[in-house]
């Protein structure tokens, strides 16, 4: 071996390869949380938008499904339902909403998979 025998055994703590060898559990959990939160938020928004599209079709064929889906970005569901109930007083808006919501969830799960968070095993 070249150099003194002690030099081969010493490994300075500040060498660049030591941090790369350590696995950062905290960083991995934060990354998982970020990915899961984004995935669940996307599913939730798609669920709301699809619910409003289905509700528009069930209430009145003249209602624009795209306009109803866009309303989800401006108002919450309660405000949208209140406006629809005022506009269509004879319709069971709450019942139609519940059925549209259930159908939208079933369709999204069939297309995109179950939104249940993935657990670390």
PDB file of N, CA and C in Angstrom:
ATOM      1  N   UNK A   1       0.831  -1.186   0.000  1.00  0.00           N
ATOM      2  CA  UNK A   1       0.000   0.000   0.000  1.00  0.00           C
ATOM      3  C   UNK A   1       0.865   1.234   0.000  1.00  0.00           C
ATOM      4  N   UNK A   2       0.407   2.215  -0.692  1.00  0.00           N
ATOM      5  CA  UNK A   2       1.135   3.476  -0.739  1.00  0.00           C
ATOM      6  C   UNK A   2       0.700   4.330   0.436  1.00  0.00           C
ATOM      7  N   UNK A   3       1.633   5.082   0.990  1.00  0.00           N
ATOM      8  CA  UNK A   3       1.308   5.968   2.102  1.00  0.00           C
ATOM      9  C   UNK A   3       1.346   5.221   3.422  1.00  0.00           C
ATOM     10  N   UNK A   4       1.236   5.960   4.493  1.00  0.00           N
ATOM     11  CA  UNK A   4       1.269   5.322   5.803  1.00  0.00           C
ATOM     12  C   UNK A   4       0.027   4.451   6.028  1.00  0.00           C
ATOM     13  N   UNK A   5       0.134   3.378   6.810  1.00  0.00           N
ATOM     14  CA  UNK A   5      -0.995   2.463   7.016  1.00  0.00           C
ATOM     15  C   UNK A   5      -2.178   3.143   7.718  1.00  0.00           C
ATOM     16  N   UNK A   6      -1.922   4.130   8.562  1.00  0.00           N
ATOM     17  CA  UNK A   6      -3.021   4.813   9.265  1.00  0.00           C
ATOM     18  C   UNK A   6      -3.886   5.637   8.301  1.00  0.00           C
ATOM     19  N   UNK A   7      -3.330   6.158   7.244  1.00  0.00           N
ATOM     20  CA  UNK A   7      -4.078   7.003   6.303  1.00  0.00           C
ATOM     21  C   UNK A   7      -5.174   6.207   5.597  1.00  0.00           C
ATOM     22  N   UNK A   8      -4.966   4.905   5.380  1.00  0.00           N
ATOM     23  CA  UNK A   8      -5.961   4.081   4.702  1.00  0.00           C
ATOM     24  C   UNK A   8      -7.179   3.837   5.596  1.00  0.00           C
ATOM     25  N   UNK A   9      -7.003   3.845   6.898  1.00  0.00           N
ATOM     26  CA  UNK A   9      -8.097   3.566   7.825  1.00  0.00           C
ATOM     27  C   UNK A   9      -8.915   4.810   8.179  1.00  0.00           C
ATOM     28  N   UNK A  10      -8.337   5.968   8.045  1.00  0.00           N
ATOM     29  CA  UNK A  10      -9.045   7.195   8.408  1.00  0.00           C
ATOM     30  C   UNK A  10     -10.021   7.592   7.299  1.00  0.00           C
ATOM     31  N   UNK A  11     -11.244   7.893   7.688  1.00  0.00           N
ATOM     32  CA  UNK A  11     -12.263   8.373   6.753  1.00  0.00           C
ATOM     33  C   UNK A  11     -12.837   9.645   7.345  1.00  0.00           C
ATOM     34  N   UNK A  12     -12.491  10.785   6.791  1.00  0.00           N
ATOM     35  CA  UNK A  12     -13.005  12.033   7.340  1.00  0.00           C
ATOM     36  C   UNK A  12     -14.531  12.080   7.223  1.00  0.00           C
ATOM     37  N   UNK A  13     -15.180  12.642   8.231  1.00  0.00           N
ATOM     38  CA  UNK A  13     -16.640  12.716   8.266  1.00  0.00           C
ATOM     39  C   UNK A  13     -17.186  13.646   7.188  1.00  0.00           C
ATOM     40  N   UNK A  14     -16.407  14.533   6.670  1.00  0.00           N
ATOM     41  CA  UNK A  14     -16.881  15.510   5.699  1.00  0.00           C
ATOM     42  C   UNK A  14     -16.687  15.059   4.258  1.00  0.00           C
ATOM     43  N   UNK A  15     -16.344  13.796   4.036  1.00  0.00           N
ATOM     44  CA  UNK A  15     -16.154  13.359   2.655  1.00  0.00           C
ATOM     45  C   UNK A  15     -17.498  13.325   1.934  1.00  0.00           C
ATOM     46  N   UNK A  16     -17.525  13.586   0.651  1.00  0.00           N
ATOM     47  CA  UNK A  16     -18.789  13.720  -0.073  1.00  0.00           C
ATOM     48  C   UNK A  16     -19.577  12.419  -0.209  1.00  0.00           C
ATOM     49  N   UNK A  17     -18.959  11.254  -0.082  1.00  0.00           N
ATOM     50  CA  UNK A  17     -19.706  10.022  -0.308  1.00  0.00           C
ATOM     51  C   UNK A  17     -20.481   9.561   0.917  1.00  0.00           C
ATOM     52  N   UNK A  18     -20.191  10.017   2.089  1.00  0.00           N
ATOM     53  CA  UNK A  18     -20.899   9.571   3.291  1.00  0.00           C
ATOM     54  C   UNK A  18     -22.358  10.043   3.301  1.00  0.00           C
ATOM     55  N   UNK A  19     -22.700  11.314   3.028  1.00  0.00           N
ATOM     56  CA  UNK A  19     -24.109  11.687   3.032  1.00  0.00           C
ATOM     57  C   UNK A  19     -24.920  10.948   1.972  1.00  0.00           C
ATOM     58  N   UNK A  20     -24.332  10.600   0.851  1.00  0.00           N
ATOM     59  CA  UNK A  20     -25.061   9.905  -0.194  1.00  0.00           C
ATOM     60  C   UNK A  20     -25.390   8.477   0.224  1.00  0.00           C
ATOM     61  N   UNK A  21     -24.620   7.917   1.129  1.00  0.00           N
ATOM     62  CA  UNK A  21     -24.848   6.550   1.568  1.00  0.00           C
ATOM     63  C   UNK A  21     -25.964   6.475   2.613  1.00  0.00           C
ATOM     64  N   UNK A  22     -26.212   7.539   3.333  1.00  0.00           N
ATOM     65  CA  UNK A  22     -27.240   7.521   4.368  1.00  0.00           C
ATOM     66  C   UNK A  22     -28.609   7.715   3.728  1.00  0.00           C
ATOM     67  N   UNK A  23     -29.602   6.972   4.203  1.00  0.00           N
ATOM     68  CA  UNK A  23     -30.967   7.084   3.685  1.00  0.00           C
ATOM     69  C   UNK A  23     -31.735   8.011   4.603  1.00  0.00           C
ATOM     70  N   UNK A  24     -32.344   9.025   4.040  1.00  0.00           N
ATOM     71  CA  UNK A  24     -33.037  10.047   4.800  1.00  0.00           C
ATOM     72  C   UNK A  24     -34.499   9.661   4.956  1.00  0.00           C
ATOM     73  N   UNK A  25     -34.855   9.062   6.090  1.00  0.00           N
ATOM     74  CA  UNK A  25     -36.232   8.624   6.334  1.00  0.00           C
ATOM     75  C   UNK A  25     -37.186   9.807   6.381  1.00  0.00           C
ATOM     76  N   UNK A  26     -36.777  10.874   7.026  1.00  0.00           N
ATOM     77  CA  UNK A  26     -37.627  12.064   7.115  1.00  0.00           C
ATOM     78  C   UNK A  26     -37.913  12.634   5.724  1.00  0.00           C
ATOM     79  N   UNK A  27     -36.877  12.719   4.911  1.00  0.00           N
ATOM     80  CA  UNK A  27     -37.051  13.224   3.555  1.00  0.00           C
ATOM     81  C   UNK A  27     -37.971  12.331   2.734  1.00  0.00           C
ATOM     82  N   UNK A  28     -37.831  11.020   2.905  1.00  0.00           N
ATOM     83  CA  UNK A  28     -38.686  10.082   2.177  1.00  0.00           C
ATOM     84  C   UNK A  28     -40.141  10.226   2.609  1.00  0.00           C
ATOM     85  N   UNK A  29     -40.373  10.398   3.900  1.00  0.00           N
ATOM     86  CA  UNK A  29     -41.742  10.554   4.390  1.00  0.00           C
ATOM     87  C   UNK A  29     -42.348  11.885   3.931  1.00  0.00           C
ATOM     88  N   UNK A  30     -41.552  12.938   3.908  1.00  0.00           N
ATOM     89  CA  UNK A  30     -42.058  14.222   3.420  1.00  0.00           C
ATOM     90  C   UNK A  30     -42.395  14.145   1.933  1.00  0.00           C
ATOM     91  N   UNK A  31     -41.569  13.461   1.169  1.00  0.00           N
ATOM     92  CA  UNK A  31     -41.828  13.287  -0.259  1.00  0.00           C
ATOM     93  C   UNK A  31     -43.099  12.476  -0.471  1.00  0.00           C
ATOM     94  N   UNK A  32     -43.263  11.411   0.316  1.00  0.00           N
ATOM     95  CA  UNK A  32     -44.471  10.589   0.218  1.00  0.00           C
ATOM     96  C   UNK A  32     -45.697  11.418   0.560  1.00  0.00           C
ATOM     97  N   UNK A  33     -45.601  12.219   1.603  1.00  0.00           N
ATOM     98  CA  UNK A  33     -46.728  13.064   2.003  1.00  0.00           C
ATOM     99  C   UNK A  33     -47.080  14.046   0.890  1.00  0.00           C
ATOM    100  N   UNK A  34     -46.082  14.627   0.271  1.00  0.00           N
ATOM    101  CA  UNK A  34     -46.313  15.587  -0.809  1.00  0.00           C
ATOM    102  C   UNK A  34     -46.990  14.912  -2.009  1.00  0.00           C
ATOM    103  N   UNK A  35     -46.492  13.750  -2.381  1.00  0.00           N
ATOM    104  CA  UNK A  35     -47.048  13.028  -3.527  1.00  0.00           C
ATOM    105  C   UNK A  35     -48.472  12.574  -3.234  1.00  0.00           C
ATOM    106  N   UNK A  36     -48.694  12.012  -2.047  1.00  0.00           N
ATOM    107  CA  UNK A  36     -50.034  11.540  -1.682  1.00  0.00           C
ATOM    108  C   UNK A  36     -51.022  12.694  -1.592  1.00  0.00           C
ATOM    109  N   UNK A  37     -50.605  13.809  -1.014  1.00  0.00           N
ATOM    110  CA  UNK A  37     -51.494  14.967  -0.904  1.00  0.00           C
ATOM    111  C   UNK A  37     -51.892  15.480  -2.281  1.00  0.00           C
ATOM    112  N   UNK A  38     -50.947  15.552  -3.180  1.00  0.00           N
ATOM    113  CA  UNK A  38     -51.242  16.011  -4.540  1.00  0.00           C
ATOM    114  C   UNK A  38     -52.169  15.036  -5.250  1.00  0.00           C
ATOM    115  N   UNK A  39     -51.919  13.761  -5.081  1.00  0.00           N
ATOM    116  CA  UNK A  39     -52.752  12.740  -5.724  1.00  0.00           C
ATOM    117  C   UNK A  39     -54.181  12.788  -5.197  1.00  0.00           C
ATOM    118  N   UNK A  40     -54.335  12.919  -3.886  1.00  0.00           N
ATOM    119  CA  UNK A  40     -55.670  12.976  -3.298  1.00  0.00           C
ATOM    120  C   UNK A  40     -56.391  14.271  -3.652  1.00  0.00           C
ATOM    121  N   UNK A  41     -55.670  15.379  -3.712  1.00  0.00           N
ATOM    122  CA  UNK A  41     -56.286  16.656  -4.097  1.00  0.00           C
ATOM    123  C   UNK A  41     -56.754  16.599  -5.549  1.00  0.00           C
ATOM    124  N   UNK A  42     -55.966  15.976  -6.406  1.00  0.00           N
ATOM    125  CA  UNK A  42     -56.368  15.839  -7.807  1.00  0.00           C
ATOM    126  C   UNK A  42     -57.616  14.973  -7.925  1.00  0.00           C
ATOM    127  N   UNK A  43     -57.647  13.864  -7.193  1.00  0.00           N
ATOM    128  CA  UNK A  43     -58.828  12.999  -7.225  1.00  0.00           C
ATOM    129  C   UNK A  43     -60.051  13.747  -6.724  1.00  0.00           C
ATOM    130  N   UNK A  44     -59.895  14.501  -5.642  1.00  0.00           N
ATOM    131  CA  UNK A  44     -61.015  15.241  -5.068  1.00  0.00           C
ATOM    132  C   UNK A  44     -61.561  16.270  -6.053  1.00  0.00           C
ATOM    133  N   UNK A  45     -60.676  16.981  -6.742  1.00  0.00           N
ATOM    134  CA  UNK A  45     -61.150  17.971  -7.699  1.00  0.00           C
ATOM    135  C   UNK A  45     -61.847  17.301  -8.885  1.00  0.00           C
ATOM    136  N   UNK A  46     -61.264  16.224  -9.390  1.00  0.00           N
ATOM    137  CA  UNK A  46     -61.905  15.512 -10.494  1.00  0.00           C
ATOM    138  C   UNK A  46     -63.279  14.989 -10.075  1.00  0.00           C
ATOM    139  N   UNK A  47     -63.390  14.532  -8.842  1.00  0.00           N
ATOM    140  CA  UNK A  47     -64.645  14.028  -8.299  1.00  0.00           C
ATOM    141  C   UNK A  47     -65.695  15.135  -8.266  1.00  0.00           C
ATOM    142  N   UNK A  48     -65.304  16.294  -7.765  1.00  0.00           N
ATOM    143  CA  UNK A  48     -66.241  17.431  -7.706  1.00  0.00           C
ATOM    144  C   UNK A  48     -66.665  17.870  -9.101  1.00  0.00           C
ATOM    145  N   UNK A  49     -65.715  17.994 -10.015  1.00  0.00           N
ATOM    146  CA  UNK A  49     -66.038  18.449 -11.364  1.00  0.00           C
ATOM    147  C   UNK A  49     -66.940  17.449 -12.079  1.00  0.00           C
ATOM    148  N   UNK A  50     -66.632  16.166 -11.952  1.00  0.00           N
ATOM    149  CA  UNK A  50     -67.468  15.155 -12.612  1.00  0.00           C
ATOM    150  C   UNK A  50     -68.859  15.110 -11.990  1.00  0.00           C
ATOM    151  N   UNK A  51     -68.937  15.292 -10.673  1.00  0.00           N
ATOM    152  CA  UNK A  51     -70.242  15.337 -10.015  1.00  0.00           C
ATOM    153  C   UNK A  51     -71.094  16.454 -10.597  1.00  0.00           C
ATOM    154  N   UNK A  52     -70.508  17.629 -10.770  1.00  0.00           N
ATOM    155  CA  UNK A  52     -71.263  18.763 -11.306  1.00  0.00           C
ATOM    156  C   UNK A  52     -71.657  18.538 -12.762  1.00  0.00           C
ATOM    157  N   UNK A  53     -70.812  17.881 -13.523  1.00  0.00           N
ATOM    158  CA  UNK A  53     -71.163  17.561 -14.913  1.00  0.00           C
ATOM    159  C   UNK A  53     -72.378  16.624 -14.949  1.00  0.00           C
ATOM    160  N   UNK A  54     -72.347  15.590 -14.127  1.00  0.00           N
ATOM    161  CA  UNK A  54     -73.459  14.651 -14.081  1.00  0.00           C
ATOM    162  C   UNK A  54     -74.730  15.315 -13.551  1.00  0.00           C
ATOM    163  N   UNK A  55     -74.564  16.194 -12.572  1.00  0.00           N
ATOM    164  CA  UNK A  55     -75.708  16.911 -12.021  1.00  0.00           C
ATOM    165  C   UNK A  55     -76.336  17.817 -13.073  1.00  0.00           C
ATOM    166  N   UNK A  56     -75.512  18.476 -13.860  1.00  0.00           N
ATOM    167  CA  UNK A  56     -76.028  19.341 -14.924  1.00  0.00           C
ATOM    168  C   UNK A  56     -76.838  18.525 -15.923  1.00  0.00           C
ATOM    169  N   UNK A  57     -76.345  17.362 -16.291  1.00  0.00           N
ATOM    170  CA  UNK A  57     -77.059  16.506 -17.246  1.00  0.00           C
ATOM    171  C   UNK A  57     -78.379  16.010 -16.667  1.00  0.00           C
ATOM    172  N   UNK A  58     -78.398  15.727 -15.361  1.00  0.00           N
ATOM    173  CA  UNK A  58     -79.615  15.224 -14.729  1.00  0.00           C
ATOM    174  C   UNK A  58     -80.655  16.330 -14.517  1.00  0.00           C
ATOM    175  N   UNK A  59     -80.197  17.539 -14.247  1.00  0.00           N
ATOM    176  CA  UNK A  59     -81.129  18.642 -13.978  1.00  0.00           C
ATOM    177  C   UNK A  59     -81.771  19.197 -15.242  1.00  0.00           C
ATOM    178  N   UNK A  60     -80.932  19.525 -16.202  1.00  0.00           N
ATOM    179  CA  UNK A  60     -81.425  20.218 -17.387  1.00  0.00           C
ATOM    180  C   UNK A  60     -80.433  20.008 -18.528  1.00  0.00           C
ATOM    181  N   UNK A  61     -80.869  19.392 -19.615  1.00  0.00           N
ATOM    182  CA  UNK A  61     -79.954  19.190 -20.743  1.00  0.00           C
ATOM    183  C   UNK A  61     -79.411  20.499 -21.325  1.00  0.00           C
ATOM    184  N   UNK A  62     -80.113  21.598 -21.073  1.00  0.00           N
ATOM    185  CA  UNK A  62     -79.641  22.883 -21.594  1.00  0.00           C
ATOM    186  C   UNK A  62     -78.489  23.447 -20.759  1.00  0.00           C
ATOM    187  N   UNK A  63     -78.288  22.931 -19.548  1.00  0.00           N
ATOM    188  CA  UNK A  63     -77.177  23.389 -18.705  1.00  0.00           C
ATOM    189  C   UNK A  63     -75.861  22.908 -19.300  1.00  0.00           C
ATOM    190  N   UNK A  64     -74.884  23.778 -19.330  1.00  0.00           N
ATOM    191  CA  UNK A  64     -73.568  23.408 -19.848  1.00  0.00           C
ATOM    192  C   UNK A  64     -72.796  22.621 -18.786  1.00  0.00           C
ATOM    193  N   UNK A  65     -72.426  21.398 -19.133  1.00  0.00           N
ATOM    194  CA  UNK A  65     -71.656  20.570 -18.205  1.00  0.00           C
ATOM    195  C   UNK A  65     -70.294  21.198 -17.923  1.00  0.00           C
ATOM    196  N   UNK A  66     -69.683  21.799 -18.937  1.00  0.00           N
ATOM    197  CA  UNK A  66     -68.379  22.440 -18.749  1.00  0.00           C
ATOM    198  C   UNK A  66     -68.494  23.649 -17.818  1.00  0.00           C
ATOM    199  N   UNK A  67     -69.561  24.428 -17.972  1.00  0.00           N
ATOM    200  CA  UNK A  67     -69.754  25.590 -17.105  1.00  0.00           C
ATOM    201  C   UNK A  67     -69.990  25.159 -15.663  1.00  0.00           C
ATOM    202  N   UNK A  68     -70.733  24.074 -15.486  1.00  0.00           N
ATOM    203  CA  UNK A  68     -70.973  23.570 -14.124  1.00  0.00           C
ATOM    204  C   UNK A  68     -69.670  23.067 -13.500  1.00  0.00           C
ATOM    205  N   UNK A  69     -68.851  22.392 -14.278  1.00  0.00           N
ATOM    206  CA  UNK A  69     -67.565  21.906 -13.759  1.00  0.00           C
ATOM    207  C   UNK A  69     -66.660  23.083 -13.410  1.00  0.00           C
ATOM    208  N   UNK A  70     -66.710  24.129 -14.213  1.00  0.00           N
ATOM    209  CA  UNK A  70     -65.885  25.313 -13.941  1.00  0.00           C
ATOM    210  C   UNK A  70     -66.335  26.035 -12.677  1.00  0.00           C
ATOM    211  N   UNK A  71     -67.608  25.919 -12.341  1.00  0.00           N
ATOM    212  CA  UNK A  71     -68.112  26.557 -11.114  1.00  0.00           C
ATOM    213  C   UNK A  71     -67.412  26.017  -9.866  1.00  0.00           C
ATOM    214  N   UNK A  72     -66.934  24.789  -9.928  1.00  0.00           N
ATOM    215  CA  UNK A  72     -66.278  24.205  -8.756  1.00  0.00           C
ATOM    216  C   UNK A  72     -65.001  24.955  -8.390  1.00  0.00           C
ATOM    217  N   UNK A  73     -64.418  25.666  -9.336  1.00  0.00           N
ATOM    218  CA  UNK A  73     -63.220  26.456  -9.051  1.00  0.00           C
ATOM    219  C   UNK A  73     -63.579  27.781  -8.392  1.00  0.00           C
ATOM    220  N   UNK A  74     -64.808  28.233  -8.586  1.00  0.00           N
ATOM    221  CA  UNK A  74     -65.212  29.533  -8.049  1.00  0.00           C
ATOM    222  C   UNK A  74     -65.980  29.457  -6.736  1.00  0.00           C
ATOM    223  N   UNK A  75     -66.777  28.402  -6.571  1.00  0.00           N
ATOM    224  CA  UNK A  75     -67.631  28.300  -5.383  1.00  0.00           C
ATOM    225  C   UNK A  75     -67.575  26.892  -4.815  1.00  0.00           C
ATOM    226  N   UNK A  76     -67.946  26.781  -3.550  1.00  0.00           N
ATOM    227  CA  UNK A  76     -68.001  25.449  -2.952  1.00  0.00           C
ATOM    228  C   UNK A  76     -69.317  24.776  -3.343  1.00  0.00           C
ATOM    229  N   UNK A  77     -69.416  23.492  -3.043  1.00  0.00           N
ATOM    230  CA  UNK A  77     -70.583  22.721  -3.460  1.00  0.00           C
ATOM    231  C   UNK A  77     -71.877  23.247  -2.851  1.00  0.00           C
ATOM    232  N   UNK A  78     -71.833  23.668  -1.599  1.00  0.00           N
ATOM    233  CA  UNK A  78     -73.047  24.166  -0.932  1.00  0.00           C
ATOM    234  C   UNK A  78     -73.602  25.396  -1.656  1.00  0.00           C
ATOM    235  N   UNK A  79     -72.731  26.299  -2.061  1.00  0.00           N
ATOM    236  CA  UNK A  79     -73.175  27.501  -2.774  1.00  0.00           C
ATOM    237  C   UNK A  79     -73.736  27.155  -4.149  1.00  0.00           C
ATOM    238  N   UNK A  80     -73.104  26.223  -4.825  1.00  0.00           N
ATOM    239  CA  UNK A  80     -73.595  25.796  -6.137  1.00  0.00           C
ATOM    240  C   UNK A  80     -74.964  25.142  -6.001  1.00  0.00           C
ATOM    241  N   UNK A  81     -75.111  24.273  -5.003  1.00  0.00           N
ATOM    242  CA  UNK A  81     -76.384  23.583  -4.805  1.00  0.00           C
ATOM    243  C   UNK A  81     -77.487  24.552  -4.406  1.00  0.00           C
ATOM    244  N   UNK A  82     -77.160  25.550  -3.596  1.00  0.00           N
ATOM    245  CA  UNK A  82     -78.158  26.550  -3.211  1.00  0.00           C
ATOM    246  C   UNK A  82     -78.635  27.334  -4.430  1.00  0.00           C
ATOM    247  N   UNK A  83     -77.715  27.691  -5.310  1.00  0.00           N
ATOM    248  CA  UNK A  83     -78.093  28.420  -6.525  1.00  0.00           C
ATOM    249  C   UNK A  83     -78.946  27.544  -7.436  1.00  0.00           C
ATOM    250  N   UNK A  84     -78.595  26.278  -7.543  1.00  0.00           N
ATOM    251  CA  UNK A  84     -79.377  25.369  -8.382  1.00  0.00           C
ATOM    252  C   UNK A  84     -80.759  25.117  -7.798  1.00  0.00           C
ATOM    253  N   UNK A  85     -80.840  25.004  -6.484  1.00  0.00           N
ATOM    254  CA  UNK A  85     -82.137  24.790  -5.833  1.00  0.00           C
ATOM    255  C   UNK A  85     -83.047  25.997  -6.041  1.00  0.00           C
ATOM    256  N   UNK A  86     -82.472  27.191  -6.043  1.00  0.00           N
ATOM    257  CA  UNK A  86     -83.270  28.394  -6.294  1.00  0.00           C
ATOM    258  C   UNK A  86     -83.705  28.458  -7.762  1.00  0.00           C
ATOM    259  N   UNK A  87     -82.845  28.003  -8.653  1.00  0.00           N
ATOM    260  CA  UNK A  87     -83.152  28.054 -10.085  1.00  0.00           C
ATOM    261  C   UNK A  87     -84.143  26.963 -10.507  1.00  0.00           C
ATOM    262  N   UNK A  88     -84.049  25.802  -9.858  1.00  0.00           N
ATOM    263  CA  UNK A  88     -84.930  24.661 -10.157  1.00  0.00           C
ATOM    264  C   UNK A  88     -85.657  24.243  -8.873  1.00  0.00           C
ATOM    265  N   UNK A  89     -86.675  25.006  -8.454  1.00  0.00           N
ATOM    266  CA  UNK A  89     -87.329  24.723  -7.168  1.00  0.00           C
ATOM    267  C   UNK A  89     -88.095  23.395  -7.152  1.00  0.00           C
ATOM    268  N   UNK A  90     -88.534  22.901  -8.303  1.00  0.00           N
ATOM    269  CA  UNK A  90     -89.299  21.656  -8.334  1.00  0.00           C
ATOM    270  C   UNK A  90     -88.411  20.415  -8.352  1.00  0.00           C
ATOM    271  N   UNK A  91     -87.136  20.583  -8.618  1.00  0.00           N
ATOM    272  CA  UNK A  91     -86.214  19.444  -8.713  1.00  0.00           C
ATOM    273  C   UNK A  91     -85.648  19.094  -7.338  1.00  0.00           C
ATOM    274  N   UNK A  92     -85.392  17.831  -7.133  1.00  0.00           N
ATOM    275  CA  UNK A  92     -84.743  17.367  -5.905  1.00  0.00           C
ATOM    276  C   UNK A  92     -83.233  17.477  -6.114  1.00  0.00           C
ATOM    277  N   UNK A  93     -82.713  18.695  -5.970  1.00  0.00           N
ATOM    278  CA  UNK A  93     -81.304  18.958  -6.258  1.00  0.00           C
ATOM    279  C   UNK A  93     -80.393  18.144  -5.335  1.00  0.00           C
ATOM    280  N   UNK A  94     -80.739  18.063  -4.056  1.00  0.00           N
ATOM    281  CA  UNK A  94     -79.898  17.323  -3.110  1.00  0.00           C
ATOM    282  C   UNK A  94     -79.852  15.842  -3.459  1.00  0.00           C
ATOM    283  N   UNK A  95     -80.983  15.269  -3.810  1.00  0.00           N
ATOM    284  CA  UNK A  95     -81.016  13.855  -4.188  1.00  0.00           C
ATOM    285  C   UNK A  95     -80.248  13.585  -5.471  1.00  0.00           C
ATOM    286  N   UNK A  96     -80.436  14.458  -6.462  1.00  0.00           N
ATOM    287  CA  UNK A  96     -79.686  14.324  -7.712  1.00  0.00           C
ATOM    288  C   UNK A  96     -78.189  14.474  -7.476  1.00  0.00           C
ATOM    289  N   UNK A  97     -77.825  15.397  -6.583  1.00  0.00           N
ATOM    290  CA  UNK A  97     -76.410  15.612  -6.255  1.00  0.00           C
ATOM    291  C   UNK A  97     -75.815  14.352  -5.629  1.00  0.00           C
ATOM    292  N   UNK A  98     -76.533  13.750  -4.679  1.00  0.00           N
ATOM    293  CA  UNK A  98     -76.024  12.541  -4.021  1.00  0.00           C
ATOM    294  C   UNK A  98     -75.822  11.406  -5.024  1.00  0.00           C
ATOM    295  N   UNK A  99     -76.777  11.228  -5.927  1.00  0.00           N
ATOM    296  CA  UNK A  99     -76.646  10.172  -6.934  1.00  0.00           C
ATOM    297  C   UNK A  99     -75.502  10.475  -7.904  1.00  0.00           C
ATOM    298  N   UNK A 100     -75.384  11.737  -8.319  1.00  0.00           N
ATOM    299  CA  UNK A 100     -74.299  12.118  -9.230  1.00  0.00           C
ATOM    300  C   UNK A 100     -72.938  11.941  -8.556  1.00  0.00           C
ATOM    301  N   UNK A 101     -72.862  12.267  -7.288  1.00  0.00           N
ATOM    302  CA  UNK A 101     -71.606  12.132  -6.536  1.00  0.00           C
ATOM    303  C   UNK A 101     -71.183  10.666  -6.440  1.00  0.00           C
ATOM    304  N   UNK A 102     -72.145   9.798  -6.148  1.00  0.00           N
ATOM    305  CA  UNK A 102     -71.834   8.366  -6.051  1.00  0.00           C
ATOM    306  C   UNK A 102     -71.406   7.815  -7.409  1.00  0.00           C
ATOM    307  N   UNK A 103     -72.105   8.199  -8.464  1.00  0.00           N
ATOM    308  CA  UNK A 103     -71.754   7.731  -9.812  1.00  0.00           C
ATOM    309  C   UNK A 103     -70.386   8.262 -10.234  1.00  0.00           C
ATOM    310  N   UNK A 104     -70.109   9.519  -9.929  1.00  0.00           N
ATOM    311  CA  UNK A 104     -68.818  10.107 -10.288  1.00  0.00           C
ATOM    312  C   UNK A 104     -67.675   9.386  -9.575  1.00  0.00           C
ATOM    313  N   UNK A 105     -67.859   9.048  -8.309  1.00  0.00           N
ATOM    314  CA  UNK A 105     -66.815   8.336  -7.563  1.00  0.00           C
ATOM    315  C   UNK A 105     -66.582   6.947  -8.150  1.00  0.00           C
ATOM    316  N   UNK A 106     -67.668   6.235  -8.448  1.00  0.00           N
ATOM    317  CA  UNK A 106     -67.529   4.900  -9.047  1.00  0.00           C
ATOM    318  C   UNK A 106     -66.775   4.976 -10.376  1.00  0.00           C
ATOM    319  N   UNK A 107     -67.132   5.945 -11.204  1.00  0.00           N
ATOM    320  CA  UNK A 107     -66.487   6.077 -12.510  1.00  0.00           C
ATOM    321  C   UNK A 107     -65.005   6.441 -12.370  1.00  0.00           C
ATOM    322  N   UNK A 108     -64.695   7.344 -11.457  1.00  0.00           N
ATOM    323  CA  UNK A 108     -63.286   7.736 -11.276  1.00  0.00           C
ATOM    324  C   UNK A 108     -62.445   6.597 -10.730  1.00  0.00           C
ATOM    325  N   UNK A 109     -62.995   5.833  -9.808  1.00  0.00           N
ATOM    326  CA  UNK A 109     -62.254   4.689  -9.267  1.00  0.00           C
ATOM    327  C   UNK A 109     -62.015   3.661 -10.368  1.00  0.00           C
ATOM    328  N   UNK A 110     -63.009   3.464 -11.222  1.00  0.00           N
ATOM    329  CA  UNK A 110     -62.839   2.522 -12.340  1.00  0.00           C
ATOM    330  C   UNK A 110     -61.766   3.015 -13.310  1.00  0.00           C
ATOM    331  N   UNK A 111     -61.691   4.325 -13.528  1.00  0.00           N
ATOM    332  CA  UNK A 111     -60.721   4.880 -14.477  1.00  0.00           C
ATOM    333  C   UNK A 111     -59.331   5.057 -13.885  1.00  0.00           C
ATOM    334  N   UNK A 112     -59.258   5.589 -12.674  1.00  0.00           N
ATOM    335  CA  UNK A 112     -57.980   6.028 -12.109  1.00  0.00           C
ATOM    336  C   UNK A 112     -57.509   5.201 -10.923  1.00  0.00           C
ATOM    337  N   UNK A 113     -58.321   4.310 -10.418  1.00  0.00           N
ATOM    338  CA  UNK A 113     -57.948   3.507  -9.260  1.00  0.00           C
ATOM    339  C   UNK A 113     -58.467   4.111  -7.964  1.00  0.00           C
ATOM    340  N   UNK A 114     -58.368   3.328  -6.921  1.00  0.00           N
ATOM    341  CA  UNK A 114     -58.868   3.724  -5.605  1.00  0.00           C
ATOM    342  C   UNK A 114     -57.997   4.844  -5.029  1.00  0.00           C
ATOM    343  N   UNK A 115     -58.633   5.904  -4.502  1.00  0.00           N
ATOM    344  CA  UNK A 115     -57.843   7.021  -3.983  1.00  0.00           C
ATOM    345  C   UNK A 115     -57.307   6.799  -2.570  1.00  0.00           C
ATOM    346  N   UNK A 116     -57.544   5.633  -1.986  1.00  0.00           N
ATOM    347  CA  UNK A 116     -57.054   5.360  -0.644  1.00  0.00           C
ATOM    348  C   UNK A 116     -55.539   5.541  -0.617  1.00  0.00           C
ATOM    349  N   UNK A 117     -55.023   6.268   0.384  1.00  0.00           N
ATOM    350  CA  UNK A 117     -53.568   6.490   0.439  1.00  0.00           C
ATOM    351  C   UNK A 117     -52.783   5.184   0.475  1.00  0.00           C
ATOM    352  N   UNK A 118     -51.656   5.176  -0.230  1.00  0.00           N
ATOM    353  CA  UNK A 118     -50.779   4.011  -0.239  1.00  0.00           C
ATOM    354  C   UNK A 118     -49.987   3.991   1.070  1.00  0.00           C
ATOM    355  N   UNK A 119     -50.042   2.890   1.753  1.00  0.00           N
ATOM    356  CA  UNK A 119     -49.332   2.769   3.027  1.00  0.00           C
ATOM    357  C   UNK A 119     -47.958   2.137   2.806  1.00  0.00           C
ATOM    358  N   UNK A 120     -47.011   2.581   3.627  1.00  0.00           N
ATOM    359  CA  UNK A 120     -45.693   1.950   3.594  1.00  0.00           C
ATOM    360  C   UNK A 120     -45.789   0.623   4.337  1.00  0.00           C
ATOM    361  N   UNK A 121     -45.318  -0.447   3.744  1.00  0.00           N
ATOM    362  CA  UNK A 121     -45.415  -1.765   4.393  1.00  0.00           C
ATOM    363  C   UNK A 121     -44.148  -2.076   5.127  1.00  0.00           C
TER     364      UNK A 121
END
